[in-house]
Amino acid sequence: MVFQRNDDGNGYGQRAVNFLGQDKVKYFLAGMVAAYAIKKISETEFAHEAAVNLTAGALELKDSIEEGIENIREDAEDIHAEAQEKQQIEIFGPEDLEDIEEEIEEIEDDF
C-alpha cells in the first residue's frame, strides 16, 4: 500500500510533518498568510482613508519644515548683512560708509 509506514518513521505523513516543521517553510507560509491579510485589509475603505490621512499629514509636515527652513535662511541673510555693515563701519568709519552707500544707490538708480 502507498501510505505504508516504515519502521524507521519515514512514512509520507511523517515526511510531510518534517517538511512543514522546517523554519523556512513556516516563514514562507506565514508570509503568504500575511500578504493575503494585507491585501484584504488594504482593500477596505478604512485603509484607504488611513492612507489618505497619512499622506496629507506627511505633506503638511513637509510644508512646515520648508517654511521653517525659509525662516532660518532669511534670518541668516539678515545676520550676514548686519555683519557686513558692521565690518564696513569698522573699516571705513560711519561717515565714509554713508558716502559709499549714497554712491551705491546712485549706481543702482542708473540701472
C-alpha atoms as a PDB file:
ATOM      1  CA  MET A   1       0.000   0.000   0.000  1.00  0.00           C
ATOM      2  CA  VAL A   2       1.151   3.545  -0.804  1.00  0.00           C
ATOM      3  CA  PHE A   3       0.648   5.016   2.694  1.00  0.00           C
ATOM      4  CA  GLN A   4       2.526   2.263   4.399  1.00  0.00           C
ATOM      5  CA  ARG A   5       4.592   3.371   7.347  1.00  0.00           C
ATOM      6  CA  ASN A   6       8.133   2.079   7.538  1.00  0.00           C
ATOM      7  CA  ASP A   7       9.644   1.039  10.829  1.00  0.00           C
ATOM      8  CA  ASP A   8      12.137   3.886  10.690  1.00  0.00           C
ATOM      9  CA  GLY A   9       9.318   6.525  10.886  1.00  0.00           C
ATOM     10  CA  ASN A  10       9.836   7.878   7.374  1.00  0.00           C
ATOM     11  CA  GLY A  11       6.311   7.384   6.051  1.00  0.00           C
ATOM     12  CA  TYR A  12       4.648  10.038   3.898  1.00  0.00           C
ATOM     13  CA  GLY A  13       2.807  11.536   6.827  1.00  0.00           C
ATOM     14  CA  GLN A  14       5.983  11.854   8.848  1.00  0.00           C
ATOM     15  CA  ARG A  15       7.796  13.353   5.857  1.00  0.00           C
ATOM     16  CA  ALA A  16       5.029  15.954   5.476  1.00  0.00           C
ATOM     17  CA  VAL A  17       5.240  16.787   9.185  1.00  0.00           C
ATOM     18  CA  ASN A  18       9.039  17.063   8.960  1.00  0.00           C
ATOM     19  CA  PHE A  19       8.773  19.257   5.848  1.00  0.00           C
ATOM     20  CA  LEU A  20       6.178  21.577   7.369  1.00  0.00           C
ATOM     21  CA  GLY A  21       8.192  21.756  10.577  1.00  0.00           C
ATOM     22  CA  GLN A  22      11.162  23.415   8.884  1.00  0.00           C
ATOM     23  CA  ASP A  23      11.684  27.080   9.753  1.00  0.00           C
ATOM     24  CA  LYS A  24      11.953  28.215   6.150  1.00  0.00           C
ATOM     25  CA  VAL A  25       8.632  26.568   5.298  1.00  0.00           C
ATOM     26  CA  LYS A  26       6.986  28.150   8.352  1.00  0.00           C
ATOM     27  CA  TYR A  27       8.285  31.592   7.333  1.00  0.00           C
ATOM     28  CA  PHE A  28       7.104  31.105   3.761  1.00  0.00           C
ATOM     29  CA  LEU A  29       3.610  30.085   4.856  1.00  0.00           C
ATOM     30  CA  ALA A  30       3.468  32.934   7.386  1.00  0.00           C
ATOM     31  CA  GLY A  31       4.496  35.355   4.630  1.00  0.00           C
ATOM     32  CA  MET A  32       1.749  34.075   2.349  1.00  0.00           C
ATOM     33  CA  VAL A  33      -0.858  34.470   5.090  1.00  0.00           C
ATOM     34  CA  ALA A  34       0.424  37.969   5.950  1.00  0.00           C
ATOM     35  CA  ALA A  35       0.414  39.034   2.283  1.00  0.00           C
ATOM     36  CA  TYR A  36      -3.152  37.815   1.846  1.00  0.00           C
ATOM     37  CA  ALA A  37      -4.263  39.572   5.033  1.00  0.00           C
ATOM     38  CA  ILE A  38      -2.573  42.825   3.995  1.00  0.00           C
ATOM     39  CA  LYS A  39      -4.182  42.625   0.563  1.00  0.00           C
ATOM     40  CA  LYS A  40      -7.644  42.190   2.064  1.00  0.00           C
ATOM     41  CA  ILE A  41      -7.102  44.925   4.648  1.00  0.00           C
ATOM     42  CA  SER A  42      -5.782  47.355   2.027  1.00  0.00           C
ATOM     43  CA  GLU A  43      -8.963  46.943   0.002  1.00  0.00           C
ATOM     44  CA  THR A  44     -11.127  48.309   2.829  1.00  0.00           C
ATOM     45  CA  GLU A  45     -12.437  51.888   2.990  1.00  0.00           C
ATOM     46  CA  PHE A  46     -10.761  52.338   6.386  1.00  0.00           C
ATOM     47  CA  ALA A  47      -7.346  51.555   4.906  1.00  0.00           C
ATOM     48  CA  HIS A  48      -7.958  53.972   2.050  1.00  0.00           C
ATOM     49  CA  GLU A  49      -8.924  56.770   4.443  1.00  0.00           C
ATOM     50  CA  ALA A  50      -5.919  55.999   6.648  1.00  0.00           C
ATOM     51  CA  ALA A  51      -3.576  56.181   3.642  1.00  0.00           C
ATOM     52  CA  VAL A  52      -5.105  59.491   2.527  1.00  0.00           C
ATOM     53  CA  ASN A  53      -4.831  60.967   6.025  1.00  0.00           C
ATOM     54  CA  LEU A  54      -1.254  59.738   6.404  1.00  0.00           C
ATOM     55  CA  THR A  55      -0.262  61.269   3.070  1.00  0.00           C
ATOM     56  CA  ALA A  56      -1.961  64.561   3.927  1.00  0.00           C
ATOM     57  CA  GLY A  57      -0.169  64.657   7.258  1.00  0.00           C
ATOM     58  CA  ALA A  58       3.168  63.992   5.575  1.00  0.00           C
ATOM     59  CA  LEU A  59       2.556  66.832   3.106  1.00  0.00           C
ATOM     60  CA  GLU A  60       1.669  69.226   5.937  1.00  0.00           C
ATOM     61  CA  LEU A  61       4.848  68.231   7.760  1.00  0.00           C
ATOM     62  CA  LYS A  62       6.896  68.815   4.601  1.00  0.00           C
ATOM     63  CA  ASP A  63       5.356  72.276   4.151  1.00  0.00           C
ATOM     64  CA  SER A  64       6.016  73.133   7.780  1.00  0.00           C
ATOM     65  CA  ILE A  65       9.650  72.065   7.514  1.00  0.00           C
ATOM     66  CA  GLU A  66      10.126  74.051   4.295  1.00  0.00           C
ATOM     67  CA  GLU A  67       8.639  77.141   5.955  1.00  0.00           C
ATOM     68  CA  GLY A  68      10.974  76.731   8.926  1.00  0.00           C
ATOM     69  CA  ILE A  69      13.979  76.367   6.639  1.00  0.00           C
ATOM     70  CA  GLU A  70      12.973  79.502   4.743  1.00  0.00           C
ATOM     71  CA  ASN A  71      12.695  81.439   8.028  1.00  0.00           C
ATOM     72  CA  ILE A  72      16.140  80.251   9.072  1.00  0.00           C
ATOM     73  CA  ARG A  73      17.548  81.243   5.675  1.00  0.00           C
ATOM     74  CA  GLU A  74      16.056  84.752   5.948  1.00  0.00           C
ATOM     75  CA  ASP A  75      17.414  85.170   9.472  1.00  0.00           C
ATOM     76  CA  ALA A  76      20.860  84.048   8.333  1.00  0.00           C
ATOM     77  CA  GLU A  77      20.794  86.534   5.432  1.00  0.00           C
ATOM     78  CA  ASP A  78      19.830  89.340   7.834  1.00  0.00           C
ATOM     79  CA  ILE A  79      22.652  88.420  10.213  1.00  0.00           C
ATOM     80  CA  HIS A  80      25.103  88.259   7.324  1.00  0.00           C
ATOM     81  CA  ALA A  81      24.027  91.684   6.024  1.00  0.00           C
ATOM     82  CA  GLU A  82      24.344  93.216   9.506  1.00  0.00           C
ATOM     83  CA  ALA A  83      27.789  91.674   9.944  1.00  0.00           C
ATOM     84  CA  GLN A  84      28.937  93.075   6.601  1.00  0.00           C
ATOM     85  CA  GLU A  85      27.632  96.508   7.516  1.00  0.00           C
ATOM     86  CA  LYS A  86      29.398  96.380  10.880  1.00  0.00           C
ATOM     87  CA  GLN A  87      32.627  95.322   9.187  1.00  0.00           C
ATOM     88  CA  GLN A  88      32.383  98.203   6.703  1.00  0.00           C
ATOM     89  CA  ILE A  89      31.777 100.667   9.527  1.00  0.00           C
ATOM     90  CA  GLU A  90      34.880  99.381  11.293  1.00  0.00           C
ATOM     91  CA  ILE A  91      36.954  99.667   8.093  1.00  0.00           C
ATOM     92  CA  PHE A  92      35.691 102.940   6.614  1.00  0.00           C
ATOM     93  CA  GLY A  93      34.118 104.673   9.582  1.00  0.00           C
ATOM     94  CA  PRO A  94      30.479 105.771   9.806  1.00  0.00           C
ATOM     95  CA  GLU A  95      30.916 108.972   7.760  1.00  0.00           C
ATOM     96  CA  ASP A  96      32.656 107.318   4.818  1.00  0.00           C
ATOM     97  CA  LEU A  97      30.132 104.500   4.826  1.00  0.00           C
ATOM     98  CA  GLU A  98      27.274 106.942   4.302  1.00  0.00           C
ATOM     99  CA  ASP A  99      29.071 108.375   1.267  1.00  0.00           C
ATOM    100  CA  ILE A 100      29.670 104.882  -0.142  1.00  0.00           C
ATOM    101  CA  GLU A 101      26.014 103.927   0.372  1.00  0.00           C
ATOM    102  CA  GLU A 102      24.892 107.078  -1.465  1.00  0.00           C
ATOM    103  CA  GLU A 103      27.169 106.240  -4.395  1.00  0.00           C
ATOM    104  CA  ILE A 104      25.825 102.672  -4.482  1.00  0.00           C
ATOM    105  CA  GLU A 105      22.240 103.958  -4.516  1.00  0.00           C
ATOM    106  CA  GLU A 106      23.059 106.329  -7.392  1.00  0.00           C
ATOM    107  CA  ILE A 107      24.617 103.495  -9.389  1.00  0.00           C
ATOM    108  CA  GLU A 108      21.591 101.259  -8.722  1.00  0.00           C
ATOM    109  CA  ASP A 109      19.224 104.037  -9.789  1.00  0.00           C
ATOM    110  CA  ASP A 110      21.067 104.341 -13.110  1.00  0.00           C
ATOM    111  CA  PHE A 111      20.225 100.719 -13.918  1.00  0.00           C
END
